[in-house]
Amino acid sequence: NYYKNDREASRRDFRFVPANGLPFGLNVARIDTLLGDAVIDAFDIELREVGAQNSVPRYTAELEVQAGYAQFDAELTEGLRLNLGVRYEDADQTVTPFTLAGGAPTPATTLSNDYWLPAGTLTWNFADDMQFRLAASRTIARPQFRELAPQQFLDLETDRTFIGNPLLTDSELTNVEARFEYYIGRGERITLAGFYKDIKNPIESVAFIQGGGAFFKGFSNATSATLTGVELELVKYFPLYDLGGSFWEDRRLLLAANYTFTDSKIKVGANDTAISPITFQPVAATALFEDGDRLTGQSRHVANLQFGMEKEGDDLSQQTILLSYNSPRATARGPQDQPDLIERPGLQVDFIMREGAVILGQELEFKFEARNIFGESYRESQTLNASEIINNSYDYGTSFSFSVGIKF
């Protein structure tokens, strides 16, 4: 297996600067007045390029992976199957920042690593409609280019500005899972799983404050982390032909639900070090992380419920309501010994309808979506004892979309 990905990114920052300042009162005028020809000419307003702290205007990046793998699959006895494999990877990842003059303001990132990644699954079919699976594997998670590049970028989902850390390293994961599966009928199932992950060098989001008190977010590797959880899933259909009439004879109700409980913990010791996302210098890991904290982005409770009606057979007709819930989760470690930044995604309700039709001999698909029907808003805050500070809050609102697709 061979994989190659490369990227080049640029960011330029500018400010309007009056040569000798503005008279009192004019500086609070509307923006279209301030940037009108008359004001620009009268006060010598210039457009100047400014460099953001810890940020570079341009970088190039490349990831090249050469890998090979082998797999062995055998039925040990009737109903007991063993699948074993191993993958070898040799990867080179580079991120090279540049100044406008073409020089390198900070050292380039060069991650050259090779890994042996074994995996195995033991499946026991102890009944015609039931099976038990035990799986274990080693995997890796490489930092993204933008997580390595010391260039600012805006996350549109949270409206936060991030700056990459060129000294991040790969995360190495050991994964274990046990899963019971019961197939009730065609397309129907109940599954129950337990899982465990041991993570070396997990990449965490860390908040910090720069000039003017603005929050920024960066990245740093924690020493290690563990993640333990259980997952329950149900998919069940209910035919509606008993209701009578031609409309119901080929329609059925769908109920799909899943719930995941996850307990994650960061592990840092008094003698561990981490790379500061501000200075890119080693600091005590306990200055950025607190032993026992949950991983960022990890909700303790995640639940999804989907129910609706659909038409069986080849004709497309689906009407579905989806409910998604995520419990509060950390978006970043708190800056300068402050509490962590916590977001509350809450409950989101969506409605999706898909209908197929043939018009003038052409198969068409009509799709209507209503997202976040009850207008769940976004809130990110810090809490200490009984006090809460809202750092970021906005209303997602409800969105509607309609599309038509042509089937070829």
Protein backbone atom coordinates (compact mmCIF):
# COMPACT_ATOMS: atom_id res chain seq x y z
CA ASN A 1 0.00 0.00 0.00
CA TYR A 2 1.30 3.46 -0.93
CA TYR A 3 -0.20 6.80 0.11
CA LYS A 4 0.92 10.37 -0.49
CA ASN A 5 -0.74 13.63 0.47
CA ASP A 6 0.65 17.15 0.12
CA ARG A 7 -0.67 20.61 0.87
CA GLU A 8 0.28 24.27 0.67
CA ALA A 9 -1.52 26.87 2.77
CA SER A 10 -1.21 30.66 3.02
CA ARG A 11 -2.68 33.20 5.40
CA ARG A 12 -2.16 36.99 5.23
CA ASP A 13 -3.30 39.46 7.89
CA PHE A 14 -3.88 43.18 7.22
CA ARG A 15 -5.00 46.24 9.16
CA PHE A 16 -6.25 49.69 8.19
CA VAL A 17 -3.95 52.18 9.94
CA PRO A 18 -4.33 56.01 9.84
CA ALA A 19 -0.91 57.70 9.54
CA ASN A 20 -1.64 60.30 12.26
CA GLY A 21 -4.65 58.92 14.07
CA LEU A 22 -8.29 59.91 13.72
CA PRO A 23 -10.02 62.93 15.29
CA PHE A 24 -12.32 62.24 18.22
CA GLY A 25 -15.73 61.07 17.09
CA LEU A 26 -14.71 59.84 13.68
CA ASN A 27 -13.33 56.63 15.10
CA VAL A 28 -16.86 55.53 16.06
CA ALA A 29 -18.35 56.25 12.63
CA ARG A 30 -19.88 53.50 10.51
CA ILE A 31 -17.40 51.28 8.71
CA ASP A 32 -18.57 52.44 5.27
CA THR A 33 -17.85 56.04 6.32
CA LEU A 34 -14.41 55.21 7.75
CA LEU A 35 -13.40 53.44 4.57
CA GLY A 36 -14.86 55.98 2.18
CA ASP A 37 -12.54 57.67 -0.33
CA ALA A 38 -12.74 61.05 1.39
CA VAL A 39 -11.68 59.76 4.82
CA ILE A 40 -8.92 57.56 3.39
CA ASP A 41 -7.44 60.48 1.47
CA ALA A 42 -7.86 63.06 4.25
CA PHE A 43 -6.22 61.00 7.01
CA ASP A 44 -3.76 58.93 4.98
CA ILE A 45 -5.28 55.58 5.97
CA GLU A 46 -2.99 52.79 4.86
CA LEU A 47 -3.45 49.06 4.47
CA ARG A 48 -0.57 47.41 6.33
CA GLU A 49 0.32 43.76 6.68
CA VAL A 50 0.71 42.55 10.24
CA GLY A 51 2.14 39.29 11.49
CA ALA A 52 0.24 37.34 14.11
CA GLN A 53 2.24 36.14 17.09
CA ASN A 54 3.37 32.50 16.78
CA SER A 55 1.91 32.37 13.27
CA VAL A 56 3.50 32.06 9.85
CA PRO A 57 2.08 33.29 6.52
CA ARG A 58 2.76 30.14 4.49
CA TYR A 59 3.65 26.49 4.88
CA THR A 60 4.00 23.38 2.76
CA ALA A 61 3.28 19.88 4.06
CA GLU A 62 3.62 16.30 2.88
CA LEU A 63 2.77 12.85 4.20
CA GLU A 64 4.14 9.76 2.48
CA VAL A 65 3.29 6.29 3.76
CA GLN A 66 4.67 3.00 2.45
CA ALA A 67 3.08 -0.05 4.01
CA GLY A 68 2.67 -3.78 3.63
CA TYR A 69 0.36 -6.18 5.41
CA ALA A 70 -0.37 -9.86 5.76
CA GLN A 71 -3.53 -11.61 6.91
CA PHE A 72 -4.43 -15.10 8.06
CA ASP A 73 -8.01 -16.33 8.32
CA ALA A 74 -9.06 -19.80 9.45
CA GLU A 75 -11.99 -21.67 10.92
CA LEU A 76 -10.48 -23.42 13.94
CA THR A 77 -13.55 -25.53 14.62
CA GLU A 78 -17.16 -25.36 13.53
CA GLY A 79 -18.42 -21.91 14.51
CA LEU A 80 -15.06 -20.62 15.73
CA ARG A 81 -13.09 -18.40 13.33
CA LEU A 82 -9.73 -16.70 13.86
CA ASN A 83 -8.50 -13.73 11.84
CA LEU A 84 -4.94 -12.49 12.39
CA GLY A 85 -2.98 -9.80 10.59
CA VAL A 86 -0.10 -7.40 10.83
CA ARG A 87 0.62 -4.17 8.99
CA TYR A 88 4.04 -2.55 8.67
CA GLU A 89 4.15 1.19 8.02
CA ASP A 90 7.04 3.46 7.17
CA ALA A 91 5.90 7.09 7.10
CA ASP A 92 7.51 10.49 6.57
CA GLN A 93 5.51 13.57 7.50
CA THR A 94 6.90 17.09 7.05
CA VAL A 95 5.53 20.57 7.59
CA THR A 96 7.77 23.45 6.50
CA PRO A 97 6.81 27.04 7.42
CA PHE A 98 8.04 30.08 5.45
CA THR A 99 8.23 33.83 5.96
CA LEU A 100 7.11 36.19 3.21
CA ALA A 101 10.75 36.58 2.23
CA GLY A 102 11.03 32.81 1.82
CA GLY A 103 12.94 31.90 4.98
CA ALA A 104 11.92 29.47 7.70
CA PRO A 105 10.81 31.31 10.90
CA THR A 106 10.60 28.10 12.94
CA PRO A 107 12.14 24.65 12.47
CA ALA A 108 10.35 22.37 10.06
CA THR A 109 8.45 19.39 11.45
CA THR A 110 9.86 16.04 10.40
CA LEU A 111 8.18 12.88 11.68
CA SER A 112 9.86 9.76 10.34
CA ASN A 113 8.49 6.67 12.05
CA ASP A 114 7.88 3.04 11.26
CA TYR A 115 5.43 0.78 13.08
CA TRP A 116 4.40 -2.85 13.35
CA LEU A 117 0.61 -2.85 13.81
CA PRO A 118 -0.82 -6.29 14.65
CA ALA A 119 -4.53 -7.06 14.85
CA GLY A 120 -6.62 -10.11 15.64
CA THR A 121 -10.28 -11.10 15.89
CA LEU A 122 -11.76 -14.30 17.33
CA THR A 123 -15.41 -14.87 16.33
CA TRP A 124 -17.60 -17.52 17.97
CA ASN A 125 -20.91 -18.30 16.24
CA PHE A 126 -22.52 -20.25 19.09
CA ALA A 127 -26.01 -19.99 17.55
CA ASP A 128 -27.50 -19.43 14.10
CA ASP A 129 -28.47 -15.86 14.97
CA MET A 130 -25.86 -14.99 17.61
CA GLN A 131 -22.12 -14.49 17.75
CA PHE A 132 -19.45 -13.22 20.11
CA ARG A 133 -16.35 -11.38 18.91
CA LEU A 134 -13.12 -10.57 20.73
CA ALA A 135 -10.74 -8.18 18.96
CA ALA A 136 -7.42 -6.53 19.74
CA SER A 137 -5.22 -4.23 17.65
CA ARG A 138 -2.54 -1.58 17.65
CA THR A 139 -3.18 1.61 15.66
CA ILE A 140 -1.70 5.08 15.31
CA ALA A 141 -3.12 8.59 14.95
CA ARG A 142 -0.97 11.15 13.18
CA PRO A 143 -1.38 14.89 13.78
CA GLN A 144 -3.09 16.76 10.95
CA PHE A 145 -1.10 19.23 8.87
CA ARG A 146 -2.89 22.21 10.40
CA GLU A 147 -2.24 20.84 13.90
CA LEU A 148 1.50 20.89 13.12
CA ALA A 149 1.72 24.20 11.23
CA PRO A 150 2.29 27.32 13.40
CA GLN A 151 -0.34 29.18 11.39
CA GLN A 152 -3.66 30.46 12.64
CA PHE A 153 -6.86 28.85 11.35
CA LEU A 154 -10.50 29.39 12.25
CA ASP A 155 -12.66 26.44 13.28
CA LEU A 156 -16.04 27.32 11.77
CA GLU A 157 -17.99 25.00 14.08
CA THR A 158 -16.83 26.66 17.32
CA ASP A 159 -15.73 30.07 15.95
CA ARG A 160 -12.35 29.61 17.67
CA THR A 161 -8.91 30.46 16.32
CA PHE A 162 -6.33 27.67 16.53
CA ILE A 163 -2.55 27.69 16.11
CA GLY A 164 -0.64 24.50 15.33
CA ASN A 165 2.30 23.09 17.28
CA PRO A 166 5.25 21.94 15.11
CA LEU A 167 6.56 19.63 17.86
CA LEU A 168 3.58 17.26 18.09
CA THR A 169 4.23 13.53 17.79
CA ASP A 170 2.18 10.52 16.67
CA SER A 171 -0.30 8.97 19.07
CA GLU A 172 -0.06 5.19 19.54
CA LEU A 173 -3.17 3.21 20.54
CA THR A 174 -3.74 -0.27 21.89
CA ASN A 175 -7.38 -1.31 21.38
CA VAL A 176 -9.38 -4.18 22.89
CA GLU A 177 -13.07 -4.88 22.25
CA ALA A 178 -15.57 -7.60 23.14
CA ARG A 179 -18.89 -7.60 21.27
CA PHE A 180 -22.08 -9.71 21.45
CA GLU A 181 -24.35 -9.61 18.36
CA TYR A 182 -27.88 -10.95 18.10
CA TYR A 183 -29.48 -10.83 14.63
CA ILE A 184 -33.22 -10.70 15.21
CA GLY A 185 -34.14 -10.73 11.54
CA ARG A 186 -32.99 -9.40 8.20
CA GLY A 187 -31.37 -6.04 8.85
CA GLU A 188 -32.34 -6.21 12.55
CA ARG A 189 -29.89 -6.63 15.41
CA ILE A 190 -29.06 -6.06 19.05
CA THR A 191 -25.41 -5.54 19.93
CA LEU A 192 -23.64 -5.04 23.23
CA ALA A 193 -19.95 -4.17 23.33
CA GLY A 194 -17.28 -3.23 25.82
CA PHE A 195 -14.05 -1.53 24.75
CA TYR A 196 -10.75 -0.32 26.16
CA LYS A 197 -8.04 1.89 24.67
CA ASP A 198 -4.61 2.73 25.98
CA ILE A 199 -3.23 5.83 24.25
CA LYS A 200 0.38 6.99 24.27
CA ASN A 201 0.93 10.69 23.50
CA PRO A 202 -2.72 11.68 22.89
CA ILE A 203 -3.09 15.07 21.17
CA GLU A 204 -5.06 17.48 23.33
CA SER A 205 -6.46 20.95 22.66
CA VAL A 206 -5.07 23.58 25.05
CA ALA A 207 -6.44 27.11 25.44
CA PHE A 208 -4.23 30.14 25.98
CA ILE A 209 -4.65 33.90 26.07
CA GLN A 210 -2.92 36.38 23.80
CA GLY A 211 -2.98 40.17 23.50
CA GLY A 212 -6.30 41.79 24.33
CA GLY A 213 -7.46 38.82 26.40
CA ALA A 214 -8.64 36.83 23.38
CA PHE A 215 -8.84 33.06 23.70
CA PHE A 216 -6.81 30.97 21.28
CA LYS A 217 -6.43 27.22 21.14
CA GLY A 218 -3.34 25.18 20.43
CA PHE A 219 -2.25 21.56 20.67
CA SER A 220 0.06 19.49 22.85
CA ASN A 221 0.73 15.82 23.52
CA ALA A 222 -0.26 14.57 26.94
CA THR A 223 1.81 11.70 28.37
CA SER A 224 -0.84 8.98 28.08
CA ALA A 225 -4.54 8.28 28.50
CA THR A 226 -6.97 5.41 28.92
CA LEU A 227 -10.49 5.10 27.57
CA THR A 228 -13.06 2.55 28.76
CA GLY A 229 -16.66 2.21 27.69
CA VAL A 230 -19.73 0.21 26.74
CA GLU A 231 -22.00 0.49 23.73
CA LEU A 232 -25.55 -0.76 23.15
CA GLU A 233 -27.28 -0.74 19.75
CA LEU A 234 -30.75 -1.77 18.58
CA VAL A 235 -32.23 -1.87 15.05
CA LYS A 236 -35.80 -3.14 14.66
CA TYR A 237 -38.49 -2.97 11.95
CA PHE A 238 -42.28 -3.13 12.44
CA PRO A 239 -44.38 -4.02 9.34
CA LEU A 240 -47.55 -1.95 8.84
CA TYR A 241 -49.52 -4.15 6.44
CA ASP A 242 -51.93 -5.09 9.25
CA LEU A 243 -53.31 -1.54 9.14
CA GLY A 244 -55.03 -2.40 5.87
CA GLY A 245 -55.12 -0.58 2.56
CA SER A 246 -52.65 -0.44 -0.33
CA PHE A 247 -50.73 2.46 1.22
CA TRP A 248 -49.59 0.40 4.20
CA GLU A 249 -48.99 -2.98 2.59
CA ASP A 250 -45.32 -2.30 1.73
CA ARG A 251 -44.42 0.13 4.49
CA ARG A 252 -42.73 -0.42 7.84
CA LEU A 253 -41.62 1.52 10.89
CA LEU A 254 -37.91 1.74 11.73
CA LEU A 255 -36.55 2.05 15.26
CA ALA A 256 -32.78 2.43 15.64
CA ALA A 257 -31.07 3.44 18.85
CA ASN A 258 -27.57 3.40 20.25
CA TYR A 259 -26.03 4.52 23.50
CA THR A 260 -22.36 4.79 24.44
CA PHE A 261 -20.89 5.39 27.87
CA THR A 262 -17.22 6.36 27.89
CA ASP A 263 -14.86 7.02 30.77
CA SER A 264 -11.55 8.55 29.70
CA LYS A 265 -8.63 9.67 31.84
CA ILE A 266 -5.44 11.56 31.07
CA LYS A 267 -2.35 10.37 32.91
CA VAL A 268 0.47 12.80 33.69
CA GLY A 269 3.14 12.57 36.38
CA ALA A 270 5.15 15.12 38.31
CA ASN A 271 8.26 14.41 36.22
CA ASP A 272 6.54 14.37 32.81
CA THR A 273 7.04 17.18 30.29
CA ALA A 274 4.95 18.52 27.40
CA ILE A 275 5.47 21.09 24.64
CA SER A 276 3.87 24.46 25.28
CA PRO A 277 1.48 25.52 22.48
CA ILE A 278 2.59 29.14 23.06
CA THR A 279 6.39 29.03 23.20
CA PHE A 280 6.93 25.57 21.64
CA GLN A 281 9.30 24.85 24.55
CA PRO A 282 9.21 21.95 27.04
CA VAL A 283 7.24 22.65 30.22
CA ALA A 284 6.01 20.50 33.08
CA ALA A 285 3.09 18.42 31.81
CA THR A 286 1.16 19.30 34.96
CA ALA A 287 1.21 22.95 33.82
CA LEU A 288 -1.04 22.00 30.89
CA PHE A 289 -2.87 18.88 32.07
CA GLU A 290 -4.34 17.58 35.28
CA ASP A 291 -4.00 13.90 36.05
CA GLY A 292 -7.40 12.17 35.73
CA ASP A 293 -9.05 14.73 33.45
CA ARG A 294 -11.24 13.46 30.63
CA LEU A 295 -9.91 13.68 27.08
CA THR A 296 -11.04 16.75 25.16
CA GLY A 297 -13.97 16.17 22.84
CA GLN A 298 -15.04 13.11 24.82
CA SER A 299 -18.62 13.06 26.14
CA ARG A 300 -19.39 10.62 28.92
CA HIS A 301 -22.84 9.91 27.43
CA VAL A 302 -23.71 9.78 23.72
CA ALA A 303 -27.16 8.67 22.58
CA ASN A 304 -28.86 8.57 19.17
CA LEU A 305 -32.46 7.65 18.43
CA GLN A 306 -33.85 7.27 14.93
CA PHE A 307 -37.43 6.41 14.13
CA GLY A 308 -39.49 6.78 11.00
CA MET A 309 -41.34 5.10 8.20
CA GLU A 310 -39.97 3.67 4.97
CA LYS A 311 -41.15 1.76 1.94
CA GLU A 312 -39.85 -1.75 1.35
CA GLY A 313 -38.53 -2.82 -2.02
CA ASP A 314 -36.83 -0.76 -4.70
CA ASP A 315 -39.08 2.31 -4.48
CA LEU A 316 -37.53 5.06 -2.34
CA SER A 317 -39.74 6.61 0.33
CA GLN A 318 -38.34 7.46 3.78
CA GLN A 319 -39.46 9.85 6.51
CA THR A 320 -37.13 9.91 9.51
CA ILE A 321 -36.79 11.80 12.80
CA LEU A 322 -33.34 11.76 14.41
CA LEU A 323 -32.52 12.70 18.00
CA SER A 324 -28.87 13.10 19.02
CA TYR A 325 -27.59 13.82 22.51
CA ASN A 326 -24.05 14.45 23.73
CA SER A 327 -23.36 15.21 27.37
CA PRO A 328 -21.01 18.12 28.29
CA ARG A 329 -17.41 17.68 27.12
CA ALA A 330 -14.16 19.61 27.34
CA THR A 331 -13.17 21.52 24.21
CA ALA A 332 -9.77 22.59 25.60
CA ARG A 333 -7.66 22.50 28.73
CA GLY A 334 -8.03 25.77 30.61
CA PRO A 335 -5.37 28.48 30.18
CA GLN A 336 -2.98 29.41 32.99
CA ASP A 337 -4.43 27.11 35.69
CA GLN A 338 -8.00 28.13 34.84
CA PRO A 339 -10.85 25.56 34.64
CA ASP A 340 -11.27 23.66 31.39
CA LEU A 341 -13.50 25.03 28.63
CA ILE A 342 -16.68 22.93 28.55
CA GLU A 343 -19.24 22.81 25.76
CA ARG A 344 -22.81 21.60 26.12
CA PRO A 345 -24.04 20.22 22.78
CA GLY A 346 -27.35 19.14 24.30
CA LEU A 347 -30.16 17.52 22.30
CA GLN A 348 -30.52 18.06 18.55
CA VAL A 349 -33.63 16.99 16.63
CA ASP A 350 -33.61 16.62 12.83
CA PHE A 351 -36.17 15.53 10.23
CA ILE A 352 -35.19 14.02 6.88
CA MET A 353 -37.51 12.99 4.07
CA ARG A 354 -36.42 11.21 0.86
CA GLU A 355 -38.77 10.39 -1.99
CA GLY A 356 -38.11 8.80 -5.36
CA ALA A 357 -40.09 9.50 -8.52
CA VAL A 358 -39.95 8.90 -12.25
CA ILE A 359 -40.67 11.98 -14.37
CA LEU A 360 -40.51 11.82 -18.16
CA GLY A 361 -38.66 8.52 -17.90
CA GLN A 362 -35.96 9.94 -15.58
CA GLU A 363 -35.46 8.62 -12.05
CA LEU A 364 -35.28 11.49 -9.56
CA GLU A 365 -34.64 11.67 -5.80
CA PHE A 366 -36.19 14.49 -3.79
CA LYS A 367 -34.67 15.21 -0.38
CA PHE A 368 -35.89 17.60 2.34
CA GLU A 369 -33.96 18.26 5.58
CA ALA A 370 -34.88 20.23 8.68
CA ARG A 371 -31.91 20.42 11.03
CA ASN A 372 -31.93 21.45 14.70
CA ILE A 373 -35.70 21.83 14.72
CA PHE A 374 -35.88 23.15 18.30
CA GLY A 375 -33.01 25.60 17.84
CA GLU A 376 -30.52 24.10 20.29
CA SER A 377 -27.83 26.74 20.89
CA TYR A 378 -24.09 26.37 21.42
CA ARG A 379 -22.46 27.34 24.70
CA GLU A 380 -18.86 27.07 25.86
CA SER A 381 -18.04 28.06 29.43
CA GLN A 382 -15.72 27.70 32.41
CA THR A 383 -17.06 26.74 35.82
CA LEU A 384 -15.38 27.16 39.20
CA ASN A 385 -17.44 26.24 42.27
CA ALA A 386 -20.77 28.06 41.76
CA SER A 387 -19.45 30.60 39.24
CA GLU A 388 -19.75 30.17 35.48
CA ILE A 389 -18.21 32.33 32.76
CA ILE A 390 -19.64 32.07 29.24
CA ASN A 391 -16.69 32.18 26.83
CA ASN A 392 -18.52 31.48 23.60
CA SER A 393 -22.23 31.30 22.86
CA TYR A 394 -24.30 31.52 19.71
CA ASP A 395 -27.53 30.25 18.25
CA TYR A 396 -27.22 27.63 15.53
CA GLY A 397 -30.81 28.25 14.53
CA THR A 398 -32.91 25.87 12.46
CA SER A 399 -31.88 25.15 8.88
CA PHE A 400 -33.96 23.83 5.99
CA SER A 401 -32.74 22.42 2.69
CA PHE A 402 -34.30 20.85 -0.37
CA SER A 403 -32.47 19.05 -3.16
CA VAL A 404 -33.20 17.04 -6.28
CA GLY A 405 -30.88 14.28 -7.48
CA ILE A 406 -30.79 12.53 -10.85
CA LYS A 407 -30.08 8.81 -10.94
CA PHE A 408 -27.93 7.67 -13.85
